[in-house]
Each structure stands twice: as structure tokens, then as C-alpha cells.
């Protein structure tokens, strides 16, 4: 697939995330699941 990235690219920021530090996908996914399925549904969570 063109443009596919592997885990080694996790430290690279893209234009879509300008102004934000990159975080591992698993960490971002866990924050998303927590915001959707947790008792604080819809809240924004800081991912560090």
C-alpha cells in the first residue's frame, strides 16, 4: 500500500498533526476507547 508506515515511523510527525507531538498509535487508541466506552463518555483526554 502506498504511503504505509511501520512502527519505526512513530516518531515522525505529519502535516495532519502539525503542532502536536507524535504518540504511539496504541496509546492514542486506548485514549479513544476510554473516551467512547468509559464512564466519562465524550471527554477529551490528554495523551502524553
Protein backbone atom coordinates (compact mmCIF):
# COMPACT_ATOMS: atom_id res chain seq x y z
CA UNK A 1 0.00 0.00 0.00
CA UNK A 2 1.45 3.37 -0.96
CA UNK A 3 2.19 5.66 1.96
CA UNK A 4 2.01 2.84 4.51
CA UNK A 5 4.10 3.40 7.61
CA UNK A 6 5.53 0.90 10.08
CA UNK A 7 6.16 1.15 13.81
CA UNK A 8 9.60 2.62 13.11
CA UNK A 9 7.96 5.78 11.79
CA UNK A 10 6.12 6.52 15.06
CA UNK A 11 8.45 9.43 15.89
CA UNK A 12 7.76 11.29 12.67
CA UNK A 13 5.06 13.96 12.66
CA UNK A 14 2.93 14.51 9.58
CA UNK A 15 1.30 17.67 8.25
CA UNK A 16 -2.00 16.41 9.69
CA UNK A 17 -0.57 16.64 13.21
CA UNK A 18 1.26 19.97 12.89
CA UNK A 19 1.81 21.49 16.32
CA UNK A 20 1.37 18.18 18.16
CA UNK A 21 3.97 15.66 19.30
CA UNK A 22 3.61 12.15 17.92
CA UNK A 23 2.43 9.40 20.30
CA UNK A 24 2.33 5.65 19.75
CA UNK A 25 -0.84 4.51 17.96
CA UNK A 26 -1.72 2.08 20.77
CA UNK A 27 -1.66 4.91 23.30
CA UNK A 28 -3.91 7.12 21.15
CA UNK A 29 -6.26 4.19 20.52
CA UNK A 30 -6.56 3.49 24.25
CA UNK A 31 -7.44 7.13 24.92
CA UNK A 32 -10.08 6.98 22.17
CA UNK A 33 -11.63 3.81 23.60
CA UNK A 34 -11.62 5.35 27.08
CA UNK A 35 -13.39 8.47 25.78
CA UNK A 36 -16.05 6.42 23.97
CA UNK A 37 -16.64 3.50 26.35
CA UNK A 38 -15.61 4.92 29.72
CA UNK A 39 -17.83 6.47 32.35
CA UNK A 40 -16.76 9.92 31.12
CA UNK A 41 -18.04 9.39 27.59
CA UNK A 42 -17.15 12.17 25.16
CA UNK A 43 -14.48 13.81 27.32
CA UNK A 44 -11.14 14.79 25.85
CA UNK A 45 -8.16 13.01 27.39
CA UNK A 46 -4.58 14.26 27.39
CA UNK A 47 -2.28 11.65 25.83
CA UNK A 48 1.34 12.01 26.95
